[in-house]
Protein backbone atom coordinates (compact mmCIF):
# COMPACT_ATOMS: atom_id res chain seq x y z
CA MET A 1 -31.93 129.54 71.90
CA ALA A 2 -32.25 131.03 68.58
CA ASN A 3 -34.19 133.84 67.64
CA GLN A 4 -37.64 132.52 65.90
CA GLN A 5 -37.06 135.27 63.01
CA ASP A 6 -33.14 134.23 62.60
CA VAL A 7 -34.85 130.84 62.09
CA LEU A 8 -37.20 131.58 60.17
CA THR A 9 -34.94 133.83 57.54
CA LYS A 10 -32.33 130.39 57.93
CA ILE A 11 -35.39 128.30 56.90
CA SER A 12 -35.95 130.10 53.95
CA MET A 13 -32.57 130.42 52.47
CA LEU A 14 -32.53 126.51 53.23
CA THR A 15 -35.54 126.24 50.84
CA THR A 16 -34.23 128.35 48.24
CA GLU A 17 -30.63 126.62 48.41
CA ILE A 18 -32.26 123.24 47.82
CA LYS A 19 -34.89 124.52 45.01
CA THR A 20 -32.25 125.97 43.03
CA LYS A 21 -29.01 124.11 43.92
CA TYR A 22 -30.59 120.42 44.64
CA PRO A 23 -34.10 120.63 42.98
CA GLU A 24 -33.80 116.69 43.08
CA LEU A 25 -34.20 117.10 46.53
CA GLN A 26 -37.30 118.86 46.58
CA LYS A 27 -39.41 116.12 47.19
CA TYR A 28 -38.21 116.13 50.34
CA LEU A 29 -39.67 119.33 51.78
CA ASP A 30 -43.22 117.82 51.62
CA GLU A 31 -42.02 114.88 53.69
CA THR A 32 -40.39 117.36 56.06
CA ARG A 33 -42.04 120.40 56.40
CA ILE A 34 -43.60 121.22 59.84
CA THR A 35 -47.48 121.88 60.67
CA LEU A 36 -48.35 126.03 60.58
CA PRO A 37 -51.55 127.44 61.61
CA GLN A 38 -53.65 127.62 58.51
CA GLY A 39 -56.64 129.49 58.11
CA ASP A 40 -57.58 132.98 60.23
CA ASN A 41 -55.54 131.79 63.39
CA SER A 42 -54.51 134.89 64.59
CA ASP A 43 -54.03 134.02 68.33
CA ALA A 44 -52.10 130.47 67.06
CA GLU A 45 -48.47 130.34 67.54
CA ILE A 46 -45.57 128.71 66.19
CA ASP A 47 -43.47 126.70 68.24
CA SER A 48 -39.77 127.74 68.03
CA LYS A 49 -38.50 124.63 68.88
CA SER A 50 -40.70 122.62 66.03
CA LEU A 51 -39.10 125.75 63.70
CA GLU A 52 -35.84 124.90 65.01
CA ASN A 53 -36.25 121.19 64.62
CA TYR A 54 -37.14 122.17 60.85
CA MET A 55 -34.14 124.02 60.10
CA ASN A 56 -31.87 121.70 61.33
CA GLU A 57 -33.40 118.64 59.23
CA LEU A 58 -33.00 121.08 56.51
CA GLU A 59 -29.48 121.45 57.20
CA GLU A 60 -28.94 117.64 57.43
CA LEU A 61 -30.30 116.60 54.32
CA ILE A 62 -28.31 119.34 52.60
CA LYS A 63 -25.56 117.60 54.39
CA ASN A 64 -26.20 113.83 53.59
CA TYR A 65 -27.08 114.79 49.95
CA LYS A 66 -23.33 116.49 49.91
CA ASP A 67 -21.81 114.05 51.29
CA ASN A 68 -22.90 111.23 49.55
CA LYS A 69 -22.64 112.62 46.25
CA SER A 70 -19.20 112.98 47.02
């Protein structure tokens, strides 16, 4: 399993890529977003598996878009 910080970095890179290179896909970001703790939840933990799943969904979204665009 990847380091949680690495996964968060990759998610950030993927969302930036979508926003800059494929803005038409931005509408799907809200649909695939995971629910993270909100407010003052200093004791809340982020589920590493959920983060990895979200990262994989973003990668798949980009891949499918590129494949169908060709």
